[in-house]
């Protein structure tokens, strides 16, 4: 899915429109694609398959471990909006043709359901649908 779709879906799901929650959810929604931004994309380009795009950063296991470590250290779920953003990203990529490696590190095989294409009319339409309902919630119209 497009970055805008990931962003709007996370904001749609988050529910709380406080600045900190919106910021964490937004950051989380784009975090799994951090390997495609700027310098990181050039560094990751020649790495093993699991470090390339839709590799290790697109597996749920990594984020469950991060959440457990965070909870163990801080004793709360203060990063819940970030996790909502990340898992919304993984879900949207799971419904695309490319899929995600949901069983990594056991297997690097990518799985998908439905099979939408990134950048398709469905992708773009979903982003505006999610944006519309987020704006309604932001202005307390729903």
N, C-alpha and C. Protein backbone atom coordinates (compact mmCIF):
# COMPACT_ATOMS: atom_id res chain seq x y z
N UNK A 1 0.83 -1.18 0.00
CA UNK A 1 0.00 0.00 0.00
C UNK A 1 0.88 1.25 0.00
N UNK A 2 0.28 2.32 -0.42
CA UNK A 2 0.99 3.60 -0.44
C UNK A 2 1.16 4.13 0.98
N UNK A 3 2.18 4.94 1.19
CA UNK A 3 2.43 5.53 2.51
C UNK A 3 1.23 6.30 3.03
N UNK A 4 0.55 7.02 2.14
CA UNK A 4 -0.62 7.80 2.55
C UNK A 4 -1.73 6.88 3.07
N UNK A 5 -1.90 5.73 2.45
CA UNK A 5 -2.91 4.77 2.90
C UNK A 5 -2.53 4.22 4.27
N UNK A 6 -1.26 3.90 4.46
CA UNK A 6 -0.81 3.41 5.77
C UNK A 6 -1.08 4.47 6.85
N UNK A 7 -0.75 5.69 6.55
CA UNK A 7 -0.93 6.79 7.49
C UNK A 7 -2.39 7.00 7.85
N UNK A 8 -3.25 7.10 6.86
CA UNK A 8 -4.66 7.37 7.13
C UNK A 8 -5.35 6.20 7.83
N UNK A 9 -4.95 4.97 7.51
CA UNK A 9 -5.54 3.80 8.17
C UNK A 9 -5.18 3.78 9.65
N UNK A 10 -3.92 4.07 9.97
CA UNK A 10 -3.49 4.10 11.37
C UNK A 10 -4.24 5.19 12.14
N UNK A 11 -4.39 6.35 11.54
CA UNK A 11 -5.12 7.44 12.20
C UNK A 11 -6.59 7.07 12.38
N UNK A 12 -7.15 6.41 11.39
CA UNK A 12 -8.53 5.93 11.46
C UNK A 12 -8.70 4.94 12.62
N UNK A 13 -7.73 4.04 12.79
CA UNK A 13 -7.83 3.02 13.83
C UNK A 13 -7.52 3.55 15.22
N UNK A 14 -6.63 4.50 15.32
CA UNK A 14 -6.15 4.96 16.63
C UNK A 14 -7.27 5.41 17.55
N UNK A 15 -8.19 6.17 17.06
CA UNK A 15 -9.32 6.57 17.89
C UNK A 15 -9.08 7.81 18.72
N UNK A 16 -7.93 7.92 19.35
CA UNK A 16 -7.62 9.08 20.18
C UNK A 16 -6.93 10.12 19.30
N UNK A 17 -7.44 11.32 19.30
CA UNK A 17 -6.89 12.35 18.41
C UNK A 17 -5.96 13.32 19.13
N UNK A 18 -5.43 12.92 20.29
CA UNK A 18 -4.46 13.78 20.96
C UNK A 18 -3.20 13.84 20.11
N UNK A 19 -2.45 14.92 20.24
CA UNK A 19 -1.27 15.12 19.42
C UNK A 19 -0.25 14.00 19.58
N UNK A 20 -0.02 13.54 20.82
CA UNK A 20 0.96 12.48 21.04
C UNK A 20 0.51 11.17 20.41
N UNK A 21 -0.77 10.84 20.52
CA UNK A 21 -1.27 9.60 19.94
C UNK A 21 -1.23 9.65 18.41
N UNK A 22 -1.61 10.77 17.85
CA UNK A 22 -1.57 10.92 16.39
C UNK A 22 -0.14 10.82 15.89
N UNK A 23 0.78 11.44 16.62
CA UNK A 23 2.20 11.40 16.23
C UNK A 23 2.75 9.98 16.30
N UNK A 24 2.49 9.28 17.41
CA UNK A 24 2.99 7.91 17.56
C UNK A 24 2.37 6.96 16.53
N UNK A 25 1.07 7.09 16.31
CA UNK A 25 0.41 6.23 15.32
C UNK A 25 0.93 6.51 13.92
N UNK A 26 1.16 7.78 13.61
CA UNK A 26 1.68 8.15 12.29
C UNK A 26 3.08 7.58 12.09
N UNK A 27 3.94 7.75 13.09
CA UNK A 27 5.30 7.22 13.01
C UNK A 27 5.28 5.70 12.87
N UNK A 28 4.44 5.05 13.67
CA UNK A 28 4.33 3.59 13.60
C UNK A 28 3.83 3.10 12.26
N UNK A 29 2.91 3.86 11.67
CA UNK A 29 2.34 3.43 10.39
C UNK A 29 3.35 3.45 9.25
N UNK A 30 4.37 4.26 9.38
CA UNK A 30 5.39 4.36 8.33
C UNK A 30 6.69 3.64 8.70
N UNK A 31 6.85 3.27 9.97
CA UNK A 31 8.09 2.68 10.45
C UNK A 31 8.53 1.41 9.69
N UNK A 32 7.64 0.46 9.39
CA UNK A 32 8.12 -0.73 8.68
C UNK A 32 8.74 -0.43 7.30
N UNK A 33 8.45 0.72 6.75
CA UNK A 33 9.02 1.10 5.45
C UNK A 33 10.25 1.99 5.60
N UNK A 34 10.80 2.08 6.81
CA UNK A 34 11.94 2.96 7.05
C UNK A 34 13.13 2.58 6.18
N UNK A 35 13.18 1.32 5.76
CA UNK A 35 14.29 0.87 4.91
C UNK A 35 14.19 1.40 3.48
N UNK A 36 13.13 2.10 3.16
CA UNK A 36 12.99 2.66 1.81
C UNK A 36 13.26 4.16 1.77
N UNK A 37 13.57 4.75 2.93
CA UNK A 37 13.78 6.19 3.00
C UNK A 37 15.25 6.55 2.90
N UNK A 38 15.59 7.48 2.05
CA UNK A 38 16.90 8.11 1.97
C UNK A 38 18.10 7.20 2.05
N UNK A 39 18.99 7.50 2.99
CA UNK A 39 20.26 6.79 3.14
C UNK A 39 20.03 5.32 3.46
N UNK A 40 19.03 5.04 4.27
CA UNK A 40 18.77 3.65 4.65
C UNK A 40 18.49 2.77 3.44
N UNK A 41 17.80 3.31 2.44
CA UNK A 41 17.50 2.51 1.26
C UNK A 41 18.77 2.11 0.52
N UNK A 42 19.77 2.97 0.53
CA UNK A 42 21.05 2.66 -0.13
C UNK A 42 21.86 1.66 0.70
N UNK A 43 21.79 1.77 2.02
CA UNK A 43 22.52 0.85 2.89
C UNK A 43 21.93 -0.56 2.79
N UNK A 44 20.59 -0.65 2.78
CA UNK A 44 19.91 -1.94 2.77
C UNK A 44 19.94 -2.61 1.40
N UNK A 45 20.19 -1.84 0.36
CA UNK A 45 20.14 -2.34 -1.02
C UNK A 45 20.96 -3.61 -1.24
N UNK A 46 22.13 -3.70 -0.68
CA UNK A 46 23.01 -4.84 -0.91
C UNK A 46 23.05 -5.82 0.26
N UNK A 47 22.07 -5.76 1.12
CA UNK A 47 22.01 -6.65 2.28
C UNK A 47 21.28 -7.94 1.93
N UNK A 48 21.33 -8.92 2.86
CA UNK A 48 20.60 -10.17 2.66
C UNK A 48 19.11 -9.93 2.51
N UNK A 49 18.40 -10.90 1.98
CA UNK A 49 16.97 -10.77 1.69
C UNK A 49 16.14 -10.33 2.89
N UNK A 50 16.42 -10.89 4.08
CA UNK A 50 15.60 -10.55 5.25
C UNK A 50 15.77 -9.11 5.70
N UNK A 51 16.81 -8.42 5.24
CA UNK A 51 16.99 -7.01 5.58
C UNK A 51 16.49 -6.08 4.48
N UNK A 52 16.06 -6.63 3.37
CA UNK A 52 15.51 -5.81 2.30
C UNK A 52 14.06 -5.47 2.61
N UNK A 53 13.48 -4.66 1.75
CA UNK A 53 12.10 -4.23 1.98
C UNK A 53 11.15 -5.42 2.06
N UNK A 54 10.21 -5.31 2.99
CA UNK A 54 9.27 -6.38 3.32
C UNK A 54 9.99 -7.61 3.83
N UNK A 55 11.04 -7.37 4.56
CA UNK A 55 11.79 -8.44 5.22
C UNK A 55 11.49 -8.41 6.71
N UNK A 56 12.54 -8.32 7.50
CA UNK A 56 12.41 -8.40 8.95
C UNK A 56 11.52 -7.29 9.54
N UNK A 57 11.53 -6.11 8.94
CA UNK A 57 10.69 -5.02 9.46
C UNK A 57 9.21 -5.20 9.15
N UNK A 58 8.87 -6.20 8.37
CA UNK A 58 7.47 -6.47 8.03
C UNK A 58 6.98 -7.76 8.67
N UNK A 59 7.59 -8.16 9.76
CA UNK A 59 7.14 -9.36 10.45
C UNK A 59 6.60 -9.02 11.83
N UNK A 60 5.46 -9.55 12.20
CA UNK A 60 4.85 -9.23 13.49
C UNK A 60 5.73 -9.58 14.69
N UNK A 61 6.50 -10.64 14.59
CA UNK A 61 7.33 -11.11 15.70
C UNK A 61 8.25 -10.02 16.24
N UNK A 62 8.87 -9.26 15.36
CA UNK A 62 9.80 -8.20 15.76
C UNK A 62 9.09 -7.19 16.66
N UNK A 63 7.88 -6.81 16.30
CA UNK A 63 7.17 -5.79 17.06
C UNK A 63 6.58 -6.33 18.36
N UNK A 64 6.25 -7.61 18.40
CA UNK A 64 5.81 -8.22 19.64
C UNK A 64 6.97 -8.23 20.63
N UNK A 65 8.17 -8.56 20.15
CA UNK A 65 9.36 -8.54 21.00
C UNK A 65 9.63 -7.12 21.51
N UNK A 66 9.56 -6.13 20.62
CA UNK A 66 9.78 -4.74 21.02
C UNK A 66 8.77 -4.33 22.10
N UNK A 67 7.51 -4.67 21.90
CA UNK A 67 6.47 -4.32 22.87
C UNK A 67 6.73 -5.00 24.21
N UNK A 68 7.13 -6.26 24.20
CA UNK A 68 7.41 -6.97 25.45
C UNK A 68 8.60 -6.35 26.18
N UNK A 69 9.65 -6.03 25.46
CA UNK A 69 10.83 -5.40 26.09
C UNK A 69 10.44 -4.04 26.67
N UNK A 70 9.70 -3.26 25.90
CA UNK A 70 9.25 -1.95 26.38
C UNK A 70 8.42 -2.10 27.65
N UNK A 71 7.49 -3.04 27.65
CA UNK A 71 6.63 -3.25 28.81
C UNK A 71 7.45 -3.71 30.01
N UNK A 72 8.43 -4.58 29.78
CA UNK A 72 9.28 -5.07 30.86
C UNK A 72 10.07 -3.92 31.49
N UNK A 73 10.56 -3.01 30.67
CA UNK A 73 11.37 -1.89 31.17
C UNK A 73 10.50 -0.80 31.82
N UNK A 74 9.43 -0.40 31.13
CA UNK A 74 8.64 0.74 31.59
C UNK A 74 7.35 0.37 32.32
N UNK A 75 6.88 -0.86 32.18
CA UNK A 75 5.71 -1.31 32.92
C UNK A 75 4.39 -0.74 32.45
N UNK A 76 4.36 -0.20 31.24
CA UNK A 76 3.09 0.30 30.71
C UNK A 76 3.08 0.15 29.18
N UNK A 77 1.95 0.44 28.61
CA UNK A 77 1.83 0.35 27.16
C UNK A 77 1.80 1.74 26.55
N UNK A 78 2.73 2.60 26.94
CA UNK A 78 2.79 3.97 26.46
C UNK A 78 3.03 4.10 24.97
N UNK A 79 3.50 3.03 24.36
CA UNK A 79 3.74 3.08 22.92
C UNK A 79 2.62 2.39 22.14
N UNK A 80 1.48 2.20 22.79
CA UNK A 80 0.36 1.52 22.13
C UNK A 80 -0.02 2.17 20.79
N UNK A 81 -0.09 3.50 20.68
CA UNK A 81 -0.43 4.08 19.38
C UNK A 81 0.62 3.75 18.30
N UNK A 82 1.88 3.68 18.69
CA UNK A 82 2.93 3.28 17.75
C UNK A 82 2.68 1.85 17.26
N UNK A 83 2.35 0.96 18.19
CA UNK A 83 2.09 -0.44 17.84
C UNK A 83 0.84 -0.54 16.97
N UNK A 84 -0.19 0.26 17.26
CA UNK A 84 -1.38 0.30 16.40
C UNK A 84 -0.97 0.68 14.97
N UNK A 85 -0.11 1.69 14.85
CA UNK A 85 0.37 2.11 13.54
C UNK A 85 1.14 1.03 12.83
N UNK A 86 2.03 0.37 13.54
CA UNK A 86 2.85 -0.69 12.93
C UNK A 86 1.96 -1.85 12.47
N UNK A 87 1.09 -2.33 13.35
CA UNK A 87 0.26 -3.48 12.98
C UNK A 87 -0.77 -3.13 11.91
N UNK A 88 -1.21 -1.88 11.86
CA UNK A 88 -2.10 -1.48 10.75
C UNK A 88 -1.32 -1.54 9.44
N UNK A 89 -0.05 -1.13 9.48
CA UNK A 89 0.81 -1.20 8.29
C UNK A 89 0.98 -2.65 7.84
N UNK A 90 1.29 -3.52 8.80
CA UNK A 90 1.47 -4.93 8.46
C UNK A 90 0.19 -5.54 7.89
N UNK A 91 -0.94 -5.19 8.47
CA UNK A 91 -2.21 -5.71 7.95
C UNK A 91 -2.44 -5.26 6.52
N UNK A 92 -2.24 -3.98 6.24
CA UNK A 92 -2.47 -3.49 4.88
C UNK A 92 -1.51 -4.14 3.88
N UNK A 93 -0.27 -4.36 4.27
CA UNK A 93 0.66 -5.04 3.37
C UNK A 93 0.32 -6.52 3.23
N UNK A 94 -0.31 -7.08 4.25
CA UNK A 94 -0.74 -8.47 4.20
C UNK A 94 -1.87 -8.68 3.18
N UNK A 95 -2.64 -7.63 2.90
CA UNK A 95 -3.73 -7.78 1.93
C UNK A 95 -3.31 -7.35 0.52
N UNK A 96 -2.02 -7.15 0.32
CA UNK A 96 -1.52 -6.83 -1.02
C UNK A 96 -0.93 -8.09 -1.67
N UNK A 97 -0.72 -8.02 -2.95
CA UNK A 97 -0.16 -9.13 -3.71
C UNK A 97 1.22 -9.54 -3.19
N UNK A 98 2.02 -8.56 -2.79
CA UNK A 98 3.40 -8.84 -2.35
C UNK A 98 3.45 -9.59 -1.03
N UNK A 99 2.51 -9.34 -0.12
CA UNK A 99 2.45 -10.04 1.16
C UNK A 99 3.57 -9.66 2.12
N UNK A 100 3.58 -10.35 3.27
CA UNK A 100 4.60 -10.13 4.30
C UNK A 100 5.04 -11.47 4.87
N UNK A 101 6.26 -11.53 5.44
CA UNK A 101 6.74 -12.78 6.05
C UNK A 101 6.23 -12.94 7.48
N UNK A 102 4.99 -13.38 7.64
CA UNK A 102 4.37 -13.40 8.97
C UNK A 102 5.00 -14.40 9.93
N UNK A 103 5.69 -15.40 9.42
CA UNK A 103 6.30 -16.41 10.29
C UNK A 103 7.81 -16.24 10.45
N UNK A 104 8.35 -15.09 10.02
CA UNK A 104 9.77 -14.86 10.20
C UNK A 104 10.05 -14.76 11.70
N UNK A 105 11.06 -15.33 12.27
CA UNK A 105 12.27 -15.89 11.69
C UNK A 105 12.20 -17.38 11.36
N UNK A 106 11.06 -18.02 11.58
CA UNK A 106 10.93 -19.44 11.24
C UNK A 106 10.99 -19.65 9.74
N UNK A 107 10.30 -18.76 9.00
CA UNK A 107 10.28 -18.86 7.54
C UNK A 107 10.26 -17.45 6.96
N UNK A 108 10.96 -17.25 5.84
CA UNK A 108 10.94 -15.94 5.19
C UNK A 108 9.93 -15.90 4.05
N UNK A 109 9.14 -16.96 3.92
CA UNK A 109 8.09 -17.00 2.89
C UNK A 109 7.04 -15.93 3.18
N UNK A 110 6.65 -15.22 2.13
CA UNK A 110 5.66 -14.15 2.27
C UNK A 110 4.26 -14.68 2.00
N UNK A 111 3.33 -14.25 2.83
CA UNK A 111 1.94 -14.65 2.71
C UNK A 111 1.09 -13.41 2.45
N UNK A 112 -0.05 -13.62 1.79
CA UNK A 112 -0.98 -12.52 1.56
C UNK A 112 -2.40 -13.06 1.47
N UNK A 113 -3.35 -12.15 1.66
CA UNK A 113 -4.75 -12.46 1.41
C UNK A 113 -5.30 -11.35 0.52
N UNK A 114 -6.37 -11.61 -0.13
CA UNK A 114 -7.07 -10.68 -1.03
C UNK A 114 -6.25 -10.36 -2.27
N UNK A 115 -5.13 -9.69 -2.16
CA UNK A 115 -4.28 -9.43 -3.31
C UNK A 115 -4.48 -8.09 -4.00
N UNK A 116 -4.67 -7.02 -3.22
CA UNK A 116 -4.72 -5.69 -3.82
C UNK A 116 -3.35 -5.30 -4.34
N UNK A 117 -3.32 -4.44 -5.30
CA UNK A 117 -2.05 -3.94 -5.84
C UNK A 117 -1.76 -2.57 -5.24
N UNK A 118 -0.50 -2.38 -4.85
CA UNK A 118 -0.07 -1.09 -4.32
C UNK A 118 -0.25 -0.01 -5.38
N UNK A 119 -0.88 1.10 -5.00
CA UNK A 119 -1.12 2.20 -5.93
C UNK A 119 -2.36 2.05 -6.78
N UNK A 120 -3.09 0.96 -6.59
CA UNK A 120 -4.30 0.73 -7.39
C UNK A 120 -5.42 1.68 -6.96
N UNK A 121 -6.48 1.68 -7.72
CA UNK A 121 -7.65 2.50 -7.40
C UNK A 121 -8.21 2.13 -6.02
N UNK A 122 -8.18 0.85 -5.68
CA UNK A 122 -8.66 0.41 -4.37
C UNK A 122 -7.78 1.01 -3.26
N UNK A 123 -6.48 0.98 -3.46
CA UNK A 123 -5.52 1.54 -2.50
C UNK A 123 -5.81 3.03 -2.27
N UNK A 124 -5.89 3.78 -3.32
CA UNK A 124 -6.12 5.23 -3.22
C UNK A 124 -7.50 5.52 -2.63
N UNK A 125 -8.50 4.78 -3.03
CA UNK A 125 -9.86 4.98 -2.51
C UNK A 125 -9.92 4.71 -1.00
N UNK A 126 -9.22 3.66 -0.57
CA UNK A 126 -9.19 3.35 0.86
C UNK A 126 -8.57 4.49 1.65
N UNK A 127 -7.51 5.08 1.12
CA UNK A 127 -6.84 6.15 1.86
C UNK A 127 -7.77 7.35 2.06
N UNK A 128 -8.55 7.69 1.06
CA UNK A 128 -9.46 8.83 1.22
C UNK A 128 -10.64 8.48 2.12
N UNK A 129 -11.07 7.23 2.09
CA UNK A 129 -12.12 6.77 3.00
C UNK A 129 -11.65 6.91 4.45
N UNK A 130 -10.45 6.42 4.76
CA UNK A 130 -9.90 6.49 6.11
C UNK A 130 -9.66 7.94 6.53
N UNK A 131 -9.17 8.75 5.62
CA UNK A 131 -8.93 10.16 5.92
C UNK A 131 -10.24 10.88 6.25
N UNK A 132 -11.27 10.61 5.48
CA UNK A 132 -12.58 11.22 5.70
C UNK A 132 -13.08 10.94 7.11
N UNK A 133 -13.02 9.67 7.54
CA UNK A 133 -13.53 9.32 8.86
C UNK A 133 -12.61 9.80 9.99
N UNK A 134 -11.32 9.90 9.73
CA UNK A 134 -10.43 10.47 10.74
C UNK A 134 -10.76 11.95 10.94
N UNK A 135 -10.99 12.67 9.86
CA UNK A 135 -11.33 14.10 9.96
C UNK A 135 -12.66 14.28 10.70
N UNK A 136 -13.63 13.42 10.43
CA UNK A 136 -14.90 13.50 11.16
C UNK A 136 -14.67 13.31 12.66
N UNK A 137 -13.82 12.35 13.02
CA UNK A 137 -13.52 12.12 14.42
C UNK A 137 -12.73 13.28 15.03
N UNK A 138 -11.80 13.83 14.25
CA UNK A 138 -10.98 14.94 14.72
C UNK A 138 -11.84 16.14 15.11
N UNK A 139 -12.85 16.41 14.30
CA UNK A 139 -13.74 17.54 14.58
C UNK A 139 -14.96 17.14 15.38
N UNK A 140 -14.91 15.92 15.95
CA UNK A 140 -15.97 15.41 16.82
C UNK A 140 -17.34 15.40 16.15
N UNK A 141 -17.35 15.02 14.88
CA UNK A 141 -18.61 14.93 14.15
C UNK A 141 -19.17 13.51 14.19
N UNK A 142 -18.37 12.59 14.68
CA UNK A 142 -18.85 11.21 14.90
C UNK A 142 -18.35 10.72 16.24
